[in-house]
Amino acid sequence: MSEVFDFVVVGGGSGGCVVAGRLSEDQDVSVCVLEAGGGGDSALVNVPVGTVAMMPTSINNWAFETVPQAGLGGRRGYQPRGRVLGGSSAINAMVYVRGHRSDYDHWAALGNSGWSFDEVLPYFLRSEHNQRIDNAWHGRGGPLWVSDSRTDNPIHARYLEAARQTGLPVTDDFNGAEQEGIGIYQLTQQHGRRCSAARAYLLPHVAYRDNLSVQTHMQVQRILFEGRRAVGVEVLQDGRLRTIRARREVILAAGAFQSPQMLMLSGVGDAAELAGLGITAVHHLPGVGKNLQDHPDFIFGYESSSLDTMGVSLGGSLRMLREISRYRKSGRGAITSNFAEGGGFLKTRPELGAPNIQLHFVVALVDDHARKFHFGHGLSCHVCLLRPRSAGSVALSSRDPAALPLIDPAFLKDPRDVEEMVEGFKLTRKLMQAPALAELCRKDLFTADVHSDDEIREVLRRRTDTVYHPVGTCKMGIDTMAVVDPQLRVHGIEGLRVVDASVMPALIGGNTNAPTIMIAEKAVDMIRGFFGAREIPARATPINAEETRHAIA
């Protein structure tokens, strides 16, 4: 079986959905999206509280683990990644954050022309439809809906009051002129439903665009080359190998773990490492899989008697029955919760130019990514280090495409990361001990007996893990370890780009979904410019769920 398209997009995550949706606006261009998971338009995806609760399972989720982490006492970390159209935007906490201006200016300073904050801001604006905020920092009319929380939870007021009691700044907009402060997150939601990248960019068009082919449950085996030109991919579907060819480009959008894995399986990577697995190198590119960066994250957890928190109890069950009815009537209430409803970007030292820690305030008790169950109700607060110095890698475990990659984020490898996390721990605990929140917290489950710096370091190594923001493994740049150039073209290869979070040369100070969508919006302009194509205005087509299901292969 052989099919030919202008563009073949490997991966239906945030990057892939944006690229495919935008490129297929031009009816003269054919686009094929290949996704290993399912269709991404089920209640488990669209109803916010449902899919976040499914994070510890393998439903719509690759559910990766890391190799043992020396900095975490030899523990293996958990690394969930979306396995469904929309990718991780279909299973994440929907937090809309772009990062700090200085992050993108740093990218540009590394030799990535065109990627300064002023140059990428228009792509954030193009993607966004902000339901409330209409100013120079936000977009209106983009495909990606960004909305205020609709839970109406009175705990929000307590969280903000705790910030004031602690002397911390309070903000209404983490994506405005100033990032620093404590506030309530805006979310990628539309009328209380998840707005994944698939729902924003892909699903509205599948049934209406003859030039757009979306094929699910397709496991890409390798990229096919003629010399050093990518000409297509080999996929496995229902036990049969299938070849899909690209006239113009193969666009790799499989994410920070699987994009480098796919490159290496296809012979693009460190030639010596590939030879050790019996893979013939198509092109020696030693940076593939290196430079893995992620936010190390610690979670405070408290028991609470408040039924305004999520939990399992008779009173909580009765409340949820009322909330389900409310959600059906108005699209509001607890069913719209992303759990991580509040947040914060804070400086542990006043002289810092940008916040160095981020908080996620959760209206539920979270223990080991919710994999350890507790009866009753509770609150949690994450604190993560925004710009860790530690960097790890992604490597092949085998030449078998079905084998999972070896993921090593090297958490807390650099001792300076530990010391910054100690500072962040102290600041976060001070916030959680403020009277407005302390009244809700009945018992400190994880840190009650932690007082000295040594005790803080010990509990950090015992309980720190990811906050789900891996990047950097196909980094953009002009140095010898760069994988793609500032146009996102793979160095030394024709007809192949990478468009996902793996191209970030350095980790940004915030959640990574919105920046990945921005990267893909910018990539579309680069691709159109390369092929001399004109920009086609997007057509707003409502989602028809039944037509969409029939249109997706």
Protein backbone atom coordinates (compact mmCIF):
# COMPACT_ATOMS: atom_id res chain seq x y z
CA MET A 1 0.00 0.00 0.00
CA SER A 2 1.41 3.38 -0.97
CA GLU A 3 -0.05 6.86 -0.72
CA VAL A 4 1.45 10.23 -1.63
CA PHE A 5 0.78 13.62 -0.03
CA ASP A 6 2.53 16.98 -0.18
CA PHE A 7 3.19 16.95 3.55
CA VAL A 8 3.27 13.99 5.93
CA VAL A 9 2.96 14.99 9.60
CA VAL A 10 4.22 12.40 12.08
CA GLY A 11 2.33 12.90 15.33
CA GLY A 12 -1.08 14.40 16.05
CA GLY A 13 -0.08 16.37 19.14
CA SER A 14 -0.09 20.13 19.60
CA GLY A 15 2.56 20.81 16.97
CA GLY A 16 1.18 18.35 14.44
CA CYS A 17 -2.44 19.52 14.76
CA VAL A 18 -1.49 23.15 14.21
CA VAL A 19 0.73 22.45 11.21
CA ALA A 20 -1.79 20.15 9.54
CA GLY A 21 -4.74 22.40 10.22
CA ARG A 22 -3.01 25.51 8.92
CA LEU A 23 -1.32 23.95 5.86
CA SER A 24 -4.56 22.32 4.75
CA GLU A 25 -6.24 25.73 4.57
CA ASP A 26 -4.76 25.80 1.07
CA GLN A 27 -6.89 23.41 -1.00
CA ASP A 28 -4.01 22.95 -3.42
CA VAL A 29 -1.89 21.33 -0.69
CA SER A 30 -2.49 17.77 0.56
CA VAL A 31 -1.66 16.89 4.16
CA CYS A 32 -1.62 13.57 5.99
CA VAL A 33 -1.47 13.33 9.80
CA LEU A 34 -0.34 10.06 11.37
CA GLU A 35 -1.27 9.52 15.02
CA ALA A 36 -0.45 6.43 17.08
CA GLY A 37 -3.45 6.91 19.36
CA GLY A 38 -7.16 7.46 18.88
CA GLY A 39 -9.42 10.22 17.69
CA GLY A 40 -9.42 12.69 20.59
CA ASP A 41 -13.11 13.65 20.60
CA SER A 42 -14.51 11.60 23.48
CA ALA A 43 -15.98 12.64 26.81
CA LEU A 44 -12.76 11.55 28.53
CA VAL A 45 -10.98 14.27 26.59
CA ASN A 46 -13.61 17.01 26.37
CA VAL A 47 -14.96 16.97 29.93
CA PRO A 48 -12.11 18.61 31.85
CA VAL A 49 -12.32 16.81 35.19
CA GLY A 50 -12.60 13.41 33.52
CA THR A 51 -9.38 13.34 31.57
CA VAL A 52 -7.15 14.97 34.19
CA ALA A 53 -8.31 12.26 36.57
CA MET A 54 -7.16 9.69 34.02
CA MET A 55 -3.57 10.92 34.02
CA PRO A 56 -2.16 7.97 36.01
CA THR A 57 -3.54 5.43 33.51
CA SER A 58 -2.54 4.37 30.01
CA ILE A 59 -5.82 5.61 28.52
CA ASN A 60 -4.82 8.14 25.82
CA ASN A 61 -1.40 8.16 27.49
CA TRP A 62 2.01 6.67 26.71
CA ALA A 63 2.67 6.62 30.47
CA PHE A 64 6.46 6.56 30.11
CA GLU A 65 8.90 6.13 32.96
CA THR A 66 12.42 7.49 33.30
CA VAL A 67 15.56 5.54 33.93
CA PRO A 68 16.57 5.52 37.63
CA GLN A 69 17.42 9.06 38.72
CA ALA A 70 20.56 9.41 40.83
CA GLY A 71 19.43 12.85 42.00
CA LEU A 72 16.16 11.37 43.25
CA GLY A 73 17.65 8.51 45.23
CA GLY A 74 17.51 6.05 42.35
CA ARG A 75 13.76 6.38 41.80
CA ARG A 76 12.19 6.08 38.35
CA GLY A 77 10.10 9.10 37.43
CA TYR A 78 6.71 9.12 35.74
CA GLN A 79 6.39 10.79 32.33
CA PRO A 80 2.84 10.91 30.93
CA ARG A 81 2.49 11.94 27.27
CA GLY A 82 -0.68 12.12 25.20
CA ARG A 83 -1.41 9.19 22.88
CA VAL A 84 -4.42 10.62 21.08
CA LEU A 85 -5.21 13.39 18.61
CA GLY A 86 -4.26 16.56 20.43
CA GLY A 87 -1.34 14.81 22.12
CA SER A 88 -0.62 16.04 25.61
CA SER A 89 -3.03 18.95 25.12
CA ALA A 90 -5.76 16.29 25.35
CA ILE A 91 -4.69 15.05 28.79
CA ASN A 92 -2.98 18.03 30.42
CA ALA A 93 -4.26 20.50 33.03
CA MET A 94 -5.13 23.02 30.29
CA VAL A 95 -3.04 25.82 31.85
CA TYR A 96 -2.40 28.62 29.34
CA VAL A 97 1.01 30.13 30.03
CA ARG A 98 3.57 31.42 27.52
CA GLY A 99 6.68 31.88 29.62
CA HIS A 100 8.73 35.01 30.23
CA ARG A 101 9.88 37.53 27.64
CA SER A 102 13.51 36.81 28.54
CA ASP A 103 13.11 33.12 27.60
CA TYR A 104 12.60 33.91 23.93
CA ASP A 105 15.16 36.69 23.88
CA HIS A 106 17.59 34.06 25.19
CA TRP A 107 16.66 31.75 22.29
CA ALA A 108 17.48 34.53 19.85
CA ALA A 109 20.75 35.31 21.63
CA LEU A 110 21.81 31.69 21.08
CA GLY A 111 21.78 32.34 17.33
CA ASN A 112 18.13 31.59 16.56
CA SER A 113 17.20 34.63 14.52
CA GLY A 114 13.49 35.33 14.40
CA TRP A 115 12.73 33.83 17.81
CA SER A 116 12.93 36.83 20.16
CA PHE A 117 9.84 37.62 22.23
CA ASP A 118 8.78 40.51 20.00
CA GLU A 119 9.06 38.20 16.99
CA VAL A 120 7.11 35.27 18.47
CA LEU A 121 4.38 37.31 20.20
CA PRO A 122 2.37 37.72 16.95
CA TYR A 123 2.13 33.92 16.72
CA PHE A 124 0.81 33.64 20.26
CA LEU A 125 -1.77 36.28 19.36
CA ARG A 126 -2.67 34.52 16.10
CA SER A 127 -3.41 31.27 17.88
CA GLU A 128 -5.44 32.71 20.75
CA HIS A 129 -9.08 33.56 21.28
CA ASN A 130 -9.16 35.00 24.77
CA GLN A 131 -12.69 35.00 26.07
CA ARG A 132 -12.14 37.87 28.54
CA ILE A 133 -8.93 39.79 27.99
CA ASP A 134 -8.73 42.02 24.93
CA ASN A 135 -5.51 44.03 24.85
CA ALA A 136 -2.11 44.19 23.18
CA TRP A 137 -0.96 41.04 25.00
CA HIS A 138 -3.80 38.78 23.89
CA GLY A 139 -5.47 37.59 20.72
CA ARG A 140 -9.10 37.47 19.69
CA GLY A 141 -10.38 35.28 16.87
CA GLY A 142 -7.70 32.56 16.94
CA PRO A 143 -8.60 28.86 16.98
CA LEU A 144 -7.39 28.20 20.55
CA TRP A 145 -9.94 29.26 23.15
CA VAL A 146 -8.49 30.66 26.38
CA SER A 147 -10.95 31.22 29.21
CA ASP A 148 -11.15 31.98 32.90
CA SER A 149 -11.81 29.12 35.29
CA ARG A 150 -15.51 28.31 35.48
CA THR A 151 -15.48 26.35 38.74
CA ASP A 152 -16.65 29.34 40.85
CA ASN A 153 -14.73 27.78 43.72
CA PRO A 154 -14.61 29.98 46.85
CA ILE A 155 -11.16 28.56 47.61
CA HIS A 156 -9.79 30.86 44.88
CA ALA A 157 -10.45 33.88 47.11
CA ARG A 158 -8.69 32.18 50.00
CA TYR A 159 -5.66 31.41 47.83
CA LEU A 160 -5.35 35.03 46.74
CA GLU A 161 -5.86 36.26 50.29
CA ALA A 162 -3.09 33.93 51.49
CA ALA A 163 -0.78 35.59 48.96
CA ARG A 164 -1.63 39.02 50.35
CA GLN A 165 -1.12 37.79 53.91
CA THR A 166 2.31 36.47 52.88
CA GLY A 167 3.27 39.70 51.16
CA LEU A 168 3.31 38.19 47.68
CA PRO A 169 2.06 40.10 44.62
CA VAL A 170 -1.29 39.14 43.09
CA THR A 171 -1.88 39.20 39.33
CA ASP A 172 -4.86 38.88 37.04
CA ASP A 173 -2.84 37.79 33.98
CA PHE A 174 0.30 35.64 33.88
CA ASN A 175 0.65 36.42 30.16
CA GLY A 176 0.50 40.20 30.34
CA ALA A 177 3.14 42.85 30.84
CA GLU A 178 4.36 41.28 34.12
CA GLN A 179 4.45 37.55 34.83
CA GLU A 180 5.30 37.69 38.53
CA GLY A 181 2.56 37.08 41.07
CA ILE A 182 -0.07 34.73 42.47
CA GLY A 183 -3.29 34.26 40.54
CA ILE A 184 -5.88 31.96 39.02
CA TYR A 185 -4.88 30.31 35.75
CA GLN A 186 -6.60 30.89 32.44
CA LEU A 187 -7.29 27.62 30.67
CA THR A 188 -7.60 26.23 27.16
CA GLN A 189 -11.34 25.73 27.53
CA GLN A 190 -14.38 26.71 25.49
CA HIS A 191 -17.61 27.06 27.48
CA GLY A 192 -16.32 24.64 30.09
CA ARG A 193 -15.04 22.03 27.64
CA ARG A 194 -11.40 21.26 26.90
CA CYS A 195 -10.03 23.03 23.84
CA SER A 196 -7.20 20.72 22.84
CA ALA A 197 -4.99 21.48 19.86
CA ALA A 198 -6.99 18.89 17.93
CA ARG A 199 -10.29 20.51 18.80
CA ALA A 200 -8.93 23.95 17.93
CA TYR A 201 -7.06 23.22 14.70
CA LEU A 202 -7.94 19.80 13.30
CA LEU A 203 -11.30 18.29 14.21
CA PRO A 204 -13.44 21.16 12.83
CA HIS A 205 -11.98 20.57 9.35
CA VAL A 206 -11.57 16.82 8.94
CA ALA A 207 -15.04 16.24 7.50
CA TYR A 208 -14.86 19.25 5.17
CA ARG A 209 -11.36 19.26 3.67
CA ASP A 210 -10.71 16.66 1.01
CA ASN A 211 -7.02 17.55 1.12
CA LEU A 212 -6.66 16.63 4.81
CA SER A 213 -6.20 12.99 5.79
CA VAL A 214 -6.09 12.16 9.50
CA GLN A 215 -5.13 8.56 10.20
CA THR A 216 -5.17 7.20 13.75
CA HIS A 217 -3.70 4.05 15.32
CA MET A 218 -0.77 4.38 12.93
CA GLN A 219 2.61 3.50 14.43
CA VAL A 220 5.37 5.11 12.39
CA GLN A 221 8.39 2.79 12.14
CA ARG A 222 10.94 5.03 10.45
CA ILE A 223 11.47 7.94 8.10
CA LEU A 224 12.39 6.92 4.55
CA PHE A 225 15.31 8.61 2.78
CA GLU A 226 16.65 8.80 -0.73
CA GLY A 227 20.21 9.84 -0.06
CA ARG A 228 19.84 12.59 2.52
CA ARG A 229 16.35 13.63 1.48
CA ALA A 230 13.32 12.52 3.50
CA VAL A 231 10.72 11.16 1.07
CA GLY A 232 8.16 9.51 3.34
CA VAL A 233 7.57 7.18 6.25
CA GLU A 234 6.99 3.52 6.89
CA VAL A 235 4.05 2.81 9.21
CA LEU A 236 2.56 -0.23 10.89
CA GLN A 237 -1.22 -0.51 10.76
CA ASP A 238 -3.16 -3.59 11.84
CA GLY A 239 0.00 -5.68 11.57
CA ARG A 240 0.79 -4.57 8.01
CA LEU A 241 3.59 -2.27 6.87
CA ARG A 242 2.51 0.66 4.79
CA THR A 243 4.50 3.33 2.95
CA ILE A 244 3.30 6.94 2.88
CA ARG A 245 5.33 9.32 0.75
CA ALA A 246 5.79 13.08 0.95
CA ARG A 247 6.27 15.20 -2.17
CA ARG A 248 7.46 18.23 -0.22
CA GLU A 249 8.31 17.50 3.41
CA VAL A 250 8.03 15.09 6.27
CA ILE A 251 7.18 17.07 9.41
CA LEU A 252 8.17 15.32 12.61
CA ALA A 253 5.92 16.33 15.52
CA ALA A 254 6.11 13.36 17.84
CA GLY A 255 7.23 15.26 20.95
CA ALA A 256 10.32 15.65 23.09
CA PHE A 257 10.71 11.90 23.63
CA GLN A 258 9.58 10.35 20.37
CA SER A 259 10.85 12.85 17.80
CA PRO A 260 14.49 12.10 18.71
CA GLN A 261 13.60 8.42 18.95
CA MET A 262 12.19 8.50 15.41
CA LEU A 263 15.23 10.32 14.07
CA MET A 264 17.60 7.78 15.60
CA LEU A 265 15.55 4.79 14.44
CA SER A 266 15.78 6.30 10.95
CA GLY A 267 19.56 6.71 11.05
CA VAL A 268 19.86 10.37 12.08
CA GLY A 269 21.84 10.81 15.27
CA ASP A 270 25.21 10.05 16.80
CA ALA A 271 26.72 7.58 14.31
CA ALA A 272 28.69 5.65 16.93
CA GLU A 273 25.66 5.22 19.19
CA LEU A 274 23.53 4.10 16.24
CA ALA A 275 26.16 1.61 15.13
CA GLY A 276 26.11 0.07 18.59
CA LEU A 277 22.47 -0.84 17.97
CA GLY A 278 23.06 -2.02 14.41
CA ILE A 279 21.53 1.06 12.79
CA THR A 280 23.29 2.46 9.71
CA ALA A 281 23.71 6.23 9.96
CA VAL A 282 22.06 8.29 7.24
CA HIS A 283 23.55 11.43 8.78
CA HIS A 284 25.77 11.93 11.83
CA LEU A 285 24.00 14.45 14.08
CA PRO A 286 25.32 14.04 17.64
CA GLY A 287 22.81 16.38 19.30
CA VAL A 288 19.78 14.18 18.62
CA GLY A 289 18.32 13.15 21.98
CA LYS A 290 20.65 15.33 24.02
CA ASN A 291 19.73 18.50 25.95
CA LEU A 292 16.59 17.03 27.58
CA GLN A 293 15.29 19.61 30.03
CA ASP A 294 12.26 19.43 32.31
CA HIS A 295 10.91 21.24 35.36
CA PRO A 296 11.67 19.35 38.61
CA ASP A 297 8.59 19.60 40.81
CA PHE A 298 7.75 19.03 44.48
CA ILE A 299 4.21 18.75 45.84
CA PHE A 300 2.93 19.75 49.29
CA GLY A 301 -0.14 17.78 50.32
CA TYR A 302 -2.75 18.41 53.03
CA GLU A 303 -5.88 16.71 54.27
CA SER A 304 -8.90 19.00 54.38
CA SER A 305 -12.50 18.80 55.58
CA SER A 306 -13.69 21.30 52.96
CA LEU A 307 -16.12 19.89 50.40
CA ASP A 308 -14.97 22.64 48.04
CA THR A 309 -11.94 20.43 47.46
CA MET A 310 -12.02 17.27 45.35
CA GLY A 311 -12.09 13.96 47.16
CA VAL A 312 -13.94 10.78 48.01
CA SER A 313 -16.59 11.01 50.72
CA LEU A 314 -20.35 10.73 51.06
CA GLY A 315 -20.70 14.51 51.15
CA GLY A 316 -18.33 14.88 48.25
CA SER A 317 -20.29 12.35 46.18
CA LEU A 318 -23.56 14.20 46.77
CA ARG A 319 -21.86 17.45 45.81
CA MET A 320 -20.56 15.94 42.58
CA LEU A 321 -24.05 14.76 41.60
CA ARG A 322 -25.23 18.36 41.90
CA GLU A 323 -22.16 19.56 39.99
CA ILE A 324 -22.80 17.15 37.12
CA SER A 325 -26.32 18.56 36.76
CA ARG A 326 -24.92 22.09 36.90
CA TYR A 327 -22.33 21.31 34.23
CA ARG A 328 -24.97 19.95 31.88
CA LYS A 329 -27.10 23.05 32.31
CA SER A 330 -24.50 25.81 32.25
CA GLY A 331 -21.00 24.42 31.58
CA ARG A 332 -19.88 25.67 34.98
CA GLY A 333 -18.87 24.20 38.31
CA ALA A 334 -16.51 21.54 39.59
CA ILE A 335 -16.77 19.36 36.48
CA THR A 336 -14.88 22.07 34.56
CA SER A 337 -11.99 21.89 37.02
CA ASN A 338 -8.47 21.39 35.75
CA PHE A 339 -7.52 20.61 39.40
CA ALA A 340 -4.50 22.98 39.17
CA GLU A 341 -6.77 26.01 39.36
CA GLY A 342 -4.40 28.51 40.96
CA GLY A 343 -0.80 29.35 40.19
CA GLY A 344 2.09 31.62 40.73
CA PHE A 345 5.39 32.82 39.31
CA LEU A 346 7.72 33.96 42.05
CA LYS A 347 11.30 35.05 42.65
CA THR A 348 13.11 33.40 45.52
CA ARG A 349 15.57 36.30 45.47
CA PRO A 350 14.56 39.89 44.63
CA GLU A 351 17.57 40.53 42.41
CA LEU A 352 16.47 37.94 39.83
CA GLY A 353 15.42 39.29 36.46
CA ALA A 354 12.52 36.84 36.10
CA PRO A 355 10.57 34.47 38.35
CA ASN A 356 12.50 31.26 38.98
CA ILE A 357 9.76 29.11 40.51
CA GLN A 358 6.21 28.30 39.47
CA LEU A 359 3.32 27.12 41.63
CA HIS A 360 0.31 24.99 40.73
CA PHE A 361 -2.32 25.19 43.47
CA VAL A 362 -4.50 22.07 43.28
CA VAL A 363 -7.97 21.68 44.81
CA ALA A 364 -7.30 18.00 45.52
CA LEU A 365 -4.75 15.85 47.30
CA VAL A 366 -2.06 14.71 44.86
CA ASP A 367 0.33 11.94 45.87
CA ASP A 368 2.74 10.46 43.30
CA HIS A 369 0.82 11.90 40.33
CA ALA A 370 -2.47 10.73 41.93
CA ARG A 371 -1.28 7.13 41.62
CA LYS A 372 -1.48 6.75 45.43
CA PHE A 373 -5.08 6.98 46.52
CA HIS A 374 -6.34 8.71 49.67
CA PHE A 375 -9.89 8.73 51.00
CA GLY A 376 -11.31 12.07 52.02
CA HIS A 377 -10.52 15.54 50.71
CA GLY A 378 -7.39 17.62 50.42
CA LEU A 379 -5.32 20.40 48.90
CA SER A 380 -1.93 20.36 47.19
CA CYS A 381 0.57 22.88 45.95
CA HIS A 382 3.29 22.16 43.41
CA VAL A 383 6.51 24.15 43.31
CA CYS A 384 8.80 23.68 40.32
CA LEU A 385 12.14 25.13 39.30
CA LEU A 386 11.70 27.04 36.05
CA ARG A 387 15.22 27.05 34.63
CA PRO A 388 17.12 24.03 35.97
CA ARG A 389 20.78 23.70 35.11
CA SER A 390 20.56 19.92 34.92
CA ALA A 391 20.06 18.42 31.47
CA GLY A 392 19.63 14.81 30.43
CA SER A 393 18.95 12.78 27.32
CA VAL A 394 16.67 10.46 25.38
CA ALA A 395 18.29 7.34 23.93
CA LEU A 396 17.20 4.21 22.13
CA SER A 397 16.77 1.04 24.15
CA SER A 398 16.60 -1.02 20.98
CA ARG A 399 16.37 -0.74 17.20
CA ASP A 400 12.80 -2.06 17.57
CA PRO A 401 10.37 0.84 16.95
CA ALA A 402 7.98 -0.66 19.52
CA ALA A 403 10.59 -0.45 22.30
CA LEU A 404 10.15 2.53 24.61
CA PRO A 405 12.95 5.11 24.67
CA LEU A 406 15.35 5.54 27.58
CA ILE A 407 14.38 8.82 29.22
CA ASP A 408 16.87 10.49 31.56
CA PRO A 409 15.93 14.04 32.63
CA ALA A 410 18.83 14.03 35.15
CA PHE A 411 16.68 15.68 37.81
CA LEU A 412 18.67 17.54 40.50
CA LYS A 413 21.96 16.40 39.02
CA ASP A 414 23.34 19.92 39.39
CA PRO A 415 23.56 20.81 43.12
CA ARG A 416 22.54 24.39 42.35
CA ASP A 417 19.11 23.09 41.32
CA VAL A 418 18.72 21.53 44.76
CA GLU A 419 19.54 24.80 46.52
CA GLU A 420 17.05 26.78 44.40
CA MET A 421 14.42 24.15 45.13
CA VAL A 422 15.12 24.57 48.86
CA GLU A 423 14.38 28.29 48.48
CA GLY A 424 11.22 27.53 46.54
CA PHE A 425 10.13 25.00 49.15
CA LYS A 426 10.39 27.57 51.93
CA LEU A 427 8.48 30.24 50.00
CA THR A 428 5.68 27.84 49.05
CA ARG A 429 5.29 26.48 52.56
CA LYS A 430 5.04 30.03 53.88
CA LEU A 431 2.16 30.65 51.46
CA MET A 432 0.37 27.44 52.44
CA GLN A 433 0.74 28.30 56.14
CA ALA A 434 -0.91 31.71 55.74
CA PRO A 435 -4.12 31.90 57.80
CA ALA A 436 -6.49 31.95 54.81
CA LEU A 437 -5.26 28.51 53.69
CA ALA A 438 -4.14 27.07 57.03
CA GLU A 439 -7.79 27.10 58.16
CA LEU A 440 -8.56 24.57 55.40
CA CYS A 441 -5.57 22.29 55.97
CA ARG A 442 -6.23 19.70 58.66
CA LYS A 443 -3.02 17.70 58.32
CA ASP A 444 0.31 18.17 56.53
CA LEU A 445 0.95 14.75 55.03
CA PHE A 446 4.46 15.01 53.60
CA THR A 447 6.39 17.84 55.28
CA ALA A 448 5.13 18.18 58.86
CA ASP A 449 8.45 17.00 60.30
CA VAL A 450 10.66 18.79 57.76
CA HIS A 451 12.41 21.83 59.21
CA SER A 452 16.15 22.12 58.54
CA ASP A 453 17.69 22.67 55.13
CA ASP A 454 19.12 19.16 55.21
CA GLU A 455 15.66 17.75 55.90
CA ILE A 456 14.27 19.81 53.02
CA ARG A 457 16.97 18.49 50.68
CA GLU A 458 16.17 14.93 51.76
CA VAL A 459 12.42 15.25 51.15
CA LEU A 460 13.06 16.95 47.82
CA ARG A 461 15.13 14.01 46.62
CA ARG A 462 12.52 11.59 47.97
CA ARG A 463 9.44 13.21 46.39
CA THR A 464 10.46 15.43 43.45
CA ASP A 465 9.40 14.43 39.94
CA THR A 466 8.29 16.01 36.67
CA VAL A 467 5.59 18.61 36.17
CA TYR A 468 5.26 17.35 32.57
CA HIS A 469 7.30 19.88 30.56
CA PRO A 470 10.07 17.98 28.68
CA VAL A 471 11.77 19.91 25.86
CA GLY A 472 15.03 20.37 24.01
CA THR A 473 15.96 16.98 22.54
CA CYS A 474 16.02 18.24 18.92
CA LYS A 475 17.18 21.69 19.84
CA MET A 476 17.15 24.59 17.44
CA GLY A 477 20.44 26.35 16.88
CA ILE A 478 23.63 26.84 14.91
CA ASP A 479 26.15 25.07 17.16
CA THR A 480 27.50 21.55 16.71
CA MET A 481 24.88 20.01 19.01
CA ALA A 482 21.91 21.67 17.33
CA VAL A 483 19.50 19.34 15.53
CA VAL A 484 17.42 21.85 13.58
CA ASP A 485 18.20 25.28 12.21
CA PRO A 486 16.13 28.40 13.06
CA GLN A 487 13.78 27.39 10.21
CA LEU A 488 13.26 24.06 12.05
CA ARG A 489 14.88 22.10 9.21
CA VAL A 490 17.00 19.14 10.32
CA HIS A 491 20.66 19.98 9.78
CA GLY A 492 22.19 18.06 6.88
CA ILE A 493 18.84 16.63 5.70
CA GLU A 494 16.44 17.87 3.02
CA GLY A 495 12.67 17.64 3.23
CA LEU A 496 12.52 17.13 7.00
CA ARG A 497 11.52 19.49 9.80
CA VAL A 498 10.79 19.05 13.48
CA VAL A 499 7.86 21.04 14.90
CA ASP A 500 7.24 20.35 18.58
CA ALA A 501 8.63 21.11 22.04
CA SER A 502 11.82 19.19 21.28
CA VAL A 503 13.14 22.14 19.23
CA MET A 504 13.22 24.52 22.21
CA PRO A 505 16.92 25.26 22.80
CA ALA A 506 16.27 26.13 26.44
CA LEU A 507 13.36 25.45 28.78
CA ILE A 508 10.92 28.32 29.12
CA GLY A 509 9.66 29.68 32.43
CA GLY A 510 6.19 28.17 32.35
CA ASN A 511 3.92 25.52 30.91
CA THR A 512 4.89 24.32 27.45
CA ASN A 513 1.66 23.73 25.50
CA ALA A 514 1.05 27.33 24.43
CA PRO A 515 4.70 27.78 23.32
CA THR A 516 4.50 24.57 21.29
CA ILE A 517 1.41 25.89 19.50
CA MET A 518 3.24 29.16 18.87
CA ILE A 519 6.21 27.25 17.42
CA ALA A 520 3.89 25.43 15.04
CA GLU A 521 2.12 28.63 13.95
CA LYS A 522 5.49 30.15 13.15
CA ALA A 523 6.63 26.97 11.38
CA VAL A 524 3.64 27.20 9.03
CA ASP A 525 4.75 30.65 7.89
CA MET A 526 8.27 29.33 7.37
CA ILE A 527 7.00 26.39 5.32
CA ARG A 528 4.74 28.60 3.22
CA GLY A 529 7.59 31.00 2.64
CA PHE A 530 9.93 28.18 1.63
CA PHE A 531 7.49 26.86 -0.97
CA GLY A 532 6.27 30.28 -2.07
CA ALA A 533 2.74 29.61 -0.86
CA ARG A 534 0.31 32.33 0.09
CA GLU A 535 -1.40 32.53 3.47
CA ILE A 536 -5.00 31.30 3.29
CA PRO A 537 -7.52 32.66 5.82
CA ALA A 538 -8.85 29.88 8.05
CA ARG A 539 -12.48 28.91 7.61
CA ALA A 540 -14.42 28.60 10.83
CA THR A 541 -16.29 25.31 10.57
CA PRO A 542 -18.25 23.99 13.55
CA ILE A 543 -17.39 20.57 14.86
CA ASN A 544 -19.86 17.89 13.86
CA ALA A 545 -18.87 14.94 16.03
CA GLU A 546 -20.52 12.30 13.85
CA GLU A 547 -18.95 13.57 10.62
CA THR A 548 -15.59 13.87 12.34
CA ARG A 549 -15.66 10.25 13.52
CA HIS A 550 -16.37 9.02 9.99
CA ALA A 551 -13.70 11.25 8.44
CA ILE A 552 -10.84 10.11 10.68
CA ALA A 553 -9.32 6.88 9.43
